[in-house]
Amino acid sequence: MDVQLKRGILDVCVLTVLRRGESYGYRLVRDVGEIIDVSESTLYPILKRLEANGQVTVHSAEHNGRLRKYYRITESGEERIRAFLDEWRVLLRALSRIEAEVGTNE
């Protein structure tokens, strides 16, 4: 799979999980893993990128004596999901046409 396409899919999967409510890294690995395979080493750079793009906010809170970072989707993150879905629909139409062409030439 194309690296940029996979990056976009992973970003949107993380944002989609965050639509359920704020979450922290370990739980995000588990919850995103229900949609697509993701490791902690993949997730944290995604979260940093989403934060830098203003698509998530981060705050720290103490949990069992340790600081834990919690992530929350922003309106910009919601917009990113909608834009991705629009782009995906265009891609699916193109793929459908390609399949129809290839199918008629075999």
Protein backbone atom coordinates (compact mmCIF):
# COMPACT_ATOMS: atom_id res chain seq x y z
CA MET A 1 0.00 0.00 0.00
CA ASP A 2 1.22 3.49 -0.79
CA VAL A 3 2.86 5.06 2.27
CA GLN A 4 0.97 8.36 1.98
CA LEU A 5 -2.36 6.57 1.58
CA LYS A 6 -1.67 4.38 4.58
CA ARG A 7 -0.65 7.44 6.62
CA GLY A 8 -3.93 9.13 5.75
CA ILE A 9 -5.92 6.04 6.67
CA LEU A 10 -4.12 5.67 10.01
CA ASP A 11 -4.65 9.35 10.83
CA VAL A 12 -8.37 9.08 10.15
CA CYS A 13 -8.66 5.84 12.13
CA VAL A 14 -7.12 7.57 15.17
CA LEU A 15 -9.38 10.60 14.73
CA THR A 16 -12.43 8.35 14.35
CA VAL A 17 -11.65 6.55 17.61
CA LEU A 18 -11.20 9.92 19.34
CA ARG A 19 -14.72 10.88 18.24
CA ARG A 20 -15.88 8.46 20.98
CA GLY A 21 -14.22 10.67 23.58
CA GLU A 22 -10.79 11.61 24.85
CA SER A 23 -8.32 8.79 25.24
CA TYR A 24 -4.70 7.99 26.06
CA GLY A 25 -1.98 6.16 24.14
CA TYR A 26 -2.29 2.58 25.37
CA ARG A 27 -6.07 2.58 25.02
CA LEU A 28 -5.78 4.16 21.57
CA VAL A 29 -3.46 1.36 20.43
CA ARG A 30 -6.10 -1.15 21.52
CA ASP A 31 -9.09 0.74 20.10
CA VAL A 32 -7.47 1.69 16.78
CA GLY A 33 -6.23 -1.91 16.58
CA GLU A 34 -9.87 -2.99 16.27
CA ILE A 35 -9.97 -1.08 12.96
CA ILE A 36 -6.44 -1.47 11.60
CA ASP A 37 -3.20 -2.95 12.93
CA VAL A 38 -1.16 -0.27 14.73
CA SER A 39 1.71 -0.40 17.21
CA GLU A 40 2.73 2.10 19.87
CA SER A 41 5.78 3.04 17.80
CA THR A 42 3.45 3.94 14.92
CA LEU A 43 0.75 5.61 17.03
CA TYR A 44 2.81 8.22 18.88
CA PRO A 45 4.23 9.90 15.74
CA ILE A 46 0.66 10.00 14.38
CA LEU A 47 -0.56 11.70 17.55
CA LYS A 48 2.28 14.23 17.39
CA ARG A 49 1.46 15.00 13.75
CA LEU A 50 -2.27 15.34 14.50
CA GLU A 51 -1.47 17.68 17.38
CA ALA A 52 0.88 19.77 15.21
CA ASN A 53 -1.88 20.03 12.59
CA GLY A 54 -4.38 21.17 15.21
CA GLN A 55 -6.54 18.07 14.75
CA VAL A 56 -6.17 16.90 18.34
CA THR A 57 -5.50 18.63 21.62
CA VAL A 58 -3.47 17.12 24.45
CA HIS A 59 -3.59 17.55 28.19
CA SER A 60 -1.88 15.67 30.99
CA ALA A 61 -3.56 14.36 34.11
CA GLU A 62 -2.36 12.20 36.96
CA HIS A 63 -3.47 8.59 36.94
CA ASN A 64 -2.29 6.18 39.66
CA GLY A 65 0.56 8.52 40.58
CA ARG A 66 1.80 8.97 37.00
CA LEU A 67 1.13 11.61 34.40
CA ARG A 68 -0.88 10.38 31.45
CA LYS A 69 -1.45 12.31 28.21
CA TYR A 70 -5.04 12.48 27.05
CA TYR A 71 -5.95 13.28 23.44
CA ARG A 72 -9.15 14.88 22.19
CA ILE A 73 -10.31 15.50 18.63
CA THR A 74 -10.81 19.12 17.54
CA GLU A 75 -13.18 20.58 14.96
CA SER A 76 -10.25 20.55 12.54
CA GLY A 77 -9.92 16.81 13.19
CA GLU A 78 -13.64 16.35 12.49
CA GLU A 79 -13.17 18.27 9.24
CA ARG A 80 -10.22 16.03 8.32
CA ILE A 81 -12.44 12.93 8.66
CA ARG A 82 -15.10 14.48 6.41
CA ALA A 83 -12.50 15.55 3.82
CA PHE A 84 -10.92 12.08 3.84
CA LEU A 85 -14.28 10.42 3.28
CA ASP A 86 -15.01 12.78 0.36
CA GLU A 87 -11.61 11.99 -1.16
CA TRP A 88 -12.17 8.27 -0.61
CA ARG A 89 -15.52 8.38 -2.44
CA VAL A 90 -13.81 9.97 -5.46
CA LEU A 91 -11.12 7.29 -5.35
CA LEU A 92 -13.71 4.50 -5.15
CA ARG A 93 -15.50 5.85 -8.23
CA ALA A 94 -12.20 5.94 -10.13
CA LEU A 95 -11.35 2.39 -9.03
CA SER A 96 -14.76 1.20 -10.11
CA ARG A 97 -14.21 2.66 -13.58
CA ILE A 98 -10.74 1.12 -13.79
CA GLU A 99 -12.11 -2.28 -12.83
CA ALA A 100 -14.84 -1.95 -15.48
CA GLU A 101 -12.25 -1.11 -18.14
CA VAL A 102 -9.88 -3.90 -17.17
CA GLY A 103 -12.77 -6.36 -17.00
CA THR A 104 -13.86 -5.57 -20.57
CA ASN A 105 -10.33 -6.02 -21.96
CA GLU A 106 -9.67 -9.50 -20.53
